[in-house]
Amino acid sequence: MHIPDGYLGPITYGGLWAAIIPIWIYASKKVKEILKASQVPLLALSAAFSFVIMMFNVPLPGGTTGHATGATLIAILIGPWPAVIALSIALIVQALIFGDGGITAIGANCFNMGFAGVLAGWGIYRLISKFNIQHSTFNSKNPDVKNTRHLIGAGIGAYAGINLAAFLTAIELGIQPLLHAGADGRPLYSPFPLSLTIPAIMLEHIFLFGIVEAVVTVSVLIYIKKSHPELISG
């Protein structure tokens, strides 16, 4: 989902820069409020984990890539707003040092993966994990059922979060021919219309990367719940 330079016009990447900056400011304030000193190393470790997992990317038609992000997993471990900071750090380092994602597109990539993907995955996880089924066999006080519900919520949240990020990427790329065209009608930036970007990007994430994201999230949570359950936020 890393968008490179030259694929987004100034209207799009400028607007997403304008959107992500106040999000970073708010997230930074929330991190200072809620993150304990003992969790700061976990924030750094989460950024490193996201950096590594996003390096395993596959080029996709339309000028972007597909990969897992670890967004929902990190949000579950340290909270959604610290996760926004962690994902953004990873994306910025990748763009500035490794050329993975464009510098002008940092705002877009951070908004898609570091904000929308995080908040969507976290919200769905919380909704499912807190849902109380009123039945004696499925009472929320049953630790096994509660644990299963948390894992299901994490898997669905991770799957939905990464697909939302991919969908936003597809939309941003697909609207470029409508926003920016030369006098001869040729696209100035991404030349691919929505009819191409949406299926090209979404099919890979729906049937591959979303499943990978869910499996990684659930697998890591199972391990952490057994070894260090105190690390899971909230």
Protein backbone atom coordinates (compact mmCIF):
# COMPACT_ATOMS: atom_id res chain seq x y z
CA MET A 1 0.00 0.00 0.00
CA HIS A 2 3.02 2.28 -0.19
CA ILE A 3 2.24 4.99 -2.73
CA PRO A 4 5.39 6.28 -4.46
CA ASP A 5 6.15 9.82 -5.55
CA GLY A 6 4.61 10.95 -8.81
CA TYR A 7 1.35 9.02 -8.49
CA LEU A 8 -0.63 11.56 -6.46
CA GLY A 9 -1.26 15.13 -7.51
CA PRO A 10 -0.80 18.09 -5.14
CA ILE A 11 -4.49 18.32 -4.38
CA THR A 12 -4.54 14.76 -3.04
CA TYR A 13 -1.20 14.51 -1.27
CA GLY A 14 -1.49 18.08 0.04
CA GLY A 15 -4.94 17.39 1.43
CA LEU A 16 -3.78 14.21 3.14
CA TRP A 17 -0.75 16.01 4.62
CA ALA A 18 -3.20 18.58 6.00
CA ALA A 19 -5.33 15.77 7.43
CA ILE A 20 -2.56 13.73 9.05
CA ILE A 21 -0.68 16.57 10.80
CA PRO A 22 -3.44 17.36 13.33
CA ILE A 23 -3.89 13.61 13.82
CA TRP A 24 -0.19 13.33 14.73
CA ILE A 25 -0.52 16.25 17.14
CA TYR A 26 -3.53 14.71 18.86
CA ALA A 27 -1.94 11.25 18.94
CA SER A 28 1.23 12.69 20.49
CA LYS A 29 -0.82 14.32 23.25
CA LYS A 30 -2.68 11.08 23.92
CA VAL A 31 0.60 9.14 24.05
CA LYS A 32 1.90 11.51 26.74
CA GLU A 33 -1.32 11.07 28.70
CA ILE A 34 -1.82 7.31 28.54
CA LEU A 35 1.50 5.66 27.79
CA LYS A 36 3.41 4.57 30.88
CA ALA A 37 7.17 5.00 31.05
CA SER A 38 7.55 1.21 31.11
CA GLN A 39 5.69 1.00 27.79
CA VAL A 40 7.96 3.38 25.87
CA PRO A 41 10.32 0.56 24.81
CA LEU A 42 7.25 -1.34 23.59
CA LEU A 43 6.33 1.66 21.41
CA ALA A 44 9.79 1.57 19.83
CA LEU A 45 9.59 -2.20 19.42
CA SER A 46 6.16 -1.88 17.81
CA ALA A 47 7.49 0.63 15.28
CA ALA A 48 10.36 -1.73 14.49
CA PHE A 49 7.98 -4.68 14.10
CA SER A 50 5.75 -2.72 11.72
CA PHE A 51 8.80 -1.57 9.77
CA VAL A 52 10.01 -5.14 9.30
CA ILE A 53 6.66 -6.68 8.40
CA MET A 54 5.96 -3.93 5.85
CA MET A 55 9.29 -4.52 4.13
CA PHE A 56 7.94 -7.82 2.81
CA ASN A 57 5.87 -6.14 0.10
CA VAL A 58 4.70 -7.28 -3.30
CA PRO A 59 4.29 -4.84 -6.24
CA LEU A 60 0.68 -4.49 -7.41
CA PRO A 61 -0.81 -3.05 -10.59
CA GLY A 62 -1.67 0.62 -10.21
CA GLY A 63 1.59 1.88 -8.74
CA THR A 64 1.52 0.55 -5.19
CA THR A 65 2.40 -2.53 -3.13
CA GLY A 66 0.69 -5.11 -0.94
CA HIS A 67 1.86 -6.27 2.47
CA ALA A 68 0.86 -6.79 6.08
CA THR A 69 1.16 -3.85 8.51
CA GLY A 70 0.66 -5.14 12.05
CA ALA A 71 -1.58 -2.12 12.73
CA THR A 72 -4.34 -3.82 14.72
CA LEU A 73 -1.90 -5.98 16.65
CA ILE A 74 0.09 -2.92 17.73
CA ALA A 75 -3.11 -1.07 18.69
CA ILE A 76 -4.14 -3.99 20.88
CA LEU A 77 -0.74 -4.07 22.57
CA ILE A 78 -0.15 -0.36 23.23
CA GLY A 79 -3.41 1.38 22.35
CA PRO A 80 -4.68 2.99 19.12
CA TRP A 81 -3.04 6.41 19.43
CA PRO A 82 0.42 5.08 20.29
CA ALA A 83 -0.09 2.70 17.35
CA VAL A 84 -0.72 5.68 15.06
CA ILE A 85 2.66 7.09 16.11
CA ALA A 86 4.42 3.71 15.77
CA LEU A 87 3.06 3.05 12.27
CA SER A 88 3.82 6.60 11.17
CA ILE A 89 7.42 6.35 12.39
CA ALA A 90 7.90 3.13 10.45
CA LEU A 91 6.40 4.61 7.28
CA ILE A 92 8.45 7.81 7.51
CA VAL A 93 11.71 5.90 8.01
CA GLN A 94 10.88 3.65 5.07
CA ALA A 95 10.20 6.66 2.82
CA LEU A 96 13.16 8.81 3.86
CA ILE A 97 15.88 6.15 4.12
CA PHE A 98 14.77 3.19 2.02
CA GLY A 99 12.67 4.88 -0.65
CA ASP A 100 9.73 2.61 0.14
CA GLY A 101 6.84 4.99 -0.45
CA GLY A 102 7.19 8.54 -1.71
CA ILE A 103 8.16 11.56 0.38
CA THR A 104 5.27 13.62 -0.97
CA ALA A 105 3.01 10.63 -0.29
CA ILE A 106 4.04 10.25 3.38
CA GLY A 107 0.83 11.99 4.46
CA ALA A 108 -1.27 9.67 2.32
CA ASN A 109 0.50 6.48 3.41
CA CYS A 110 0.38 7.46 7.08
CA PHE A 111 -3.29 8.38 6.83
CA ASN A 112 -4.23 5.14 5.10
CA MET A 113 -2.17 2.65 7.10
CA GLY A 114 -1.15 4.56 10.21
CA PHE A 115 -4.51 6.13 11.01
CA ALA A 116 -7.49 4.65 9.17
CA GLY A 117 -6.18 1.08 9.29
CA VAL A 118 -5.29 1.37 12.97
CA LEU A 119 -8.54 2.95 14.15
CA ALA A 120 -10.75 0.64 12.06
CA GLY A 121 -8.97 -2.50 13.23
CA TRP A 122 -8.94 -1.37 16.86
CA GLY A 123 -12.60 -0.32 16.80
CA ILE A 124 -13.79 -3.63 15.39
CA TYR A 125 -11.62 -5.54 17.85
CA ARG A 126 -13.07 -3.62 20.79
CA LEU A 127 -16.63 -4.00 19.50
CA ILE A 128 -16.38 -7.77 19.12
CA SER A 129 -14.27 -8.44 22.22
CA LYS A 130 -16.67 -6.47 24.44
CA PHE A 131 -19.83 -7.94 22.93
CA ASN A 132 -21.75 -9.89 25.61
CA ILE A 133 -23.89 -12.71 24.28
CA GLN A 134 -26.73 -13.27 26.76
CA HIS A 135 -26.60 -17.04 26.99
CA SER A 136 -25.50 -19.25 29.87
CA THR A 137 -23.09 -21.20 27.67
CA PHE A 138 -21.54 -18.07 26.19
CA ASN A 139 -21.29 -15.86 29.24
CA SER A 140 -18.57 -13.21 29.11
CA LYS A 141 -17.37 -14.35 32.56
CA ASN A 142 -16.23 -17.62 31.01
CA PRO A 143 -12.48 -17.00 30.45
CA ASP A 144 -12.24 -19.44 27.55
CA VAL A 145 -15.14 -17.82 25.69
CA LYS A 146 -13.84 -14.34 26.49
CA ASN A 147 -10.38 -15.26 25.22
CA THR A 148 -11.84 -16.72 22.03
CA ARG A 149 -13.94 -13.62 21.46
CA HIS A 150 -10.86 -11.42 21.84
CA LEU A 151 -8.96 -13.46 19.28
CA ILE A 152 -11.88 -13.45 16.84
CA GLY A 153 -12.21 -9.70 17.26
CA ALA A 154 -8.49 -9.25 16.68
CA GLY A 155 -8.55 -11.35 13.52
CA ILE A 156 -11.59 -9.64 12.03
CA GLY A 157 -10.30 -6.21 13.05
CA ALA A 158 -6.92 -6.87 11.45
CA TYR A 159 -8.55 -8.12 8.25
CA ALA A 160 -10.92 -5.15 8.04
CA GLY A 161 -8.28 -2.58 8.97
CA ILE A 162 -5.80 -3.53 6.27
CA ASN A 163 -8.56 -3.75 3.66
CA LEU A 164 -9.82 -0.28 4.55
CA ALA A 165 -6.28 1.07 4.15
CA ALA A 166 -6.02 -0.70 0.78
CA PHE A 167 -9.40 0.67 -0.32
CA LEU A 168 -8.38 4.24 0.52
CA THR A 169 -5.17 3.73 -1.44
CA ALA A 170 -7.14 2.46 -4.44
CA ILE A 171 -9.50 5.45 -4.28
CA GLU A 172 -6.68 7.98 -4.01
CA LEU A 173 -4.86 6.52 -6.99
CA GLY A 174 -8.00 5.99 -9.05
CA ILE A 175 -9.25 9.58 -8.80
CA GLN A 176 -6.03 11.09 -10.16
CA PRO A 177 -7.11 10.94 -13.85
CA LEU A 178 -10.24 12.85 -12.83
CA LEU A 179 -8.36 15.51 -10.87
CA HIS A 180 -5.25 16.04 -12.97
CA ALA A 181 -5.18 15.84 -16.76
CA GLY A 182 -3.16 17.71 -19.35
CA ALA A 183 -4.50 19.79 -22.20
CA ASP A 184 -4.54 16.69 -24.37
CA GLY A 185 -6.56 14.78 -21.75
CA ARG A 186 -3.68 12.55 -20.63
CA PRO A 187 -3.36 11.93 -16.87
CA LEU A 188 -0.52 13.87 -15.25
CA TYR A 189 -0.07 11.51 -12.33
CA SER A 190 -1.50 8.03 -11.77
CA PRO A 191 -2.96 7.02 -15.14
CA PHE A 192 -5.13 4.22 -13.79
CA PRO A 193 -8.87 4.80 -13.26
CA LEU A 194 -10.97 3.52 -10.37
CA SER A 195 -12.16 0.64 -12.54
CA LEU A 196 -8.59 -0.68 -12.48
CA THR A 197 -7.17 0.43 -9.13
CA ILE A 198 -9.99 -0.92 -6.96
CA PRO A 199 -9.99 -4.52 -8.26
CA ALA A 200 -6.20 -4.60 -8.75
CA ILE A 201 -5.48 -3.55 -5.17
CA MET A 202 -8.49 -4.93 -3.32
CA LEU A 203 -8.50 -8.47 -4.71
CA GLU A 204 -4.94 -9.05 -3.49
CA HIS A 205 -5.77 -7.73 -0.03
CA ILE A 206 -9.13 -9.47 0.30
CA PHE A 207 -7.80 -12.89 -0.67
CA LEU A 208 -4.16 -12.73 0.45
CA PHE A 209 -2.77 -9.88 2.51
CA GLY A 210 -5.86 -9.49 4.68
CA ILE A 211 -5.69 -13.17 5.61
CA VAL A 212 -1.95 -12.90 6.32
CA GLU A 213 -2.59 -9.86 8.52
CA ALA A 214 -5.31 -11.69 10.48
CA VAL A 215 -3.22 -14.84 10.93
CA VAL A 216 -0.16 -12.91 12.10
CA THR A 217 -2.25 -10.83 14.52
CA VAL A 218 -4.01 -13.81 16.08
CA SER A 219 -0.86 -15.94 16.24
CA VAL A 220 1.16 -13.25 18.02
CA LEU A 221 -1.70 -12.54 20.43
CA ILE A 222 -2.02 -16.23 21.33
CA TYR A 223 1.67 -16.30 22.19
CA ILE A 224 1.52 -13.06 24.18
CA LYS A 225 -1.61 -14.09 26.07
CA LYS A 226 0.20 -17.21 27.21
CA SER A 227 3.56 -15.66 28.00
CA HIS A 228 3.00 -11.95 28.80
CA PRO A 229 -0.73 -11.14 29.06
CA GLU A 230 0.07 -7.90 30.91
CA LEU A 231 1.37 -6.43 27.65
CA ILE A 232 -2.09 -6.25 26.08
CA SER A 233 -3.52 -2.75 26.37
CA GLY A 234 -6.81 -2.11 28.16
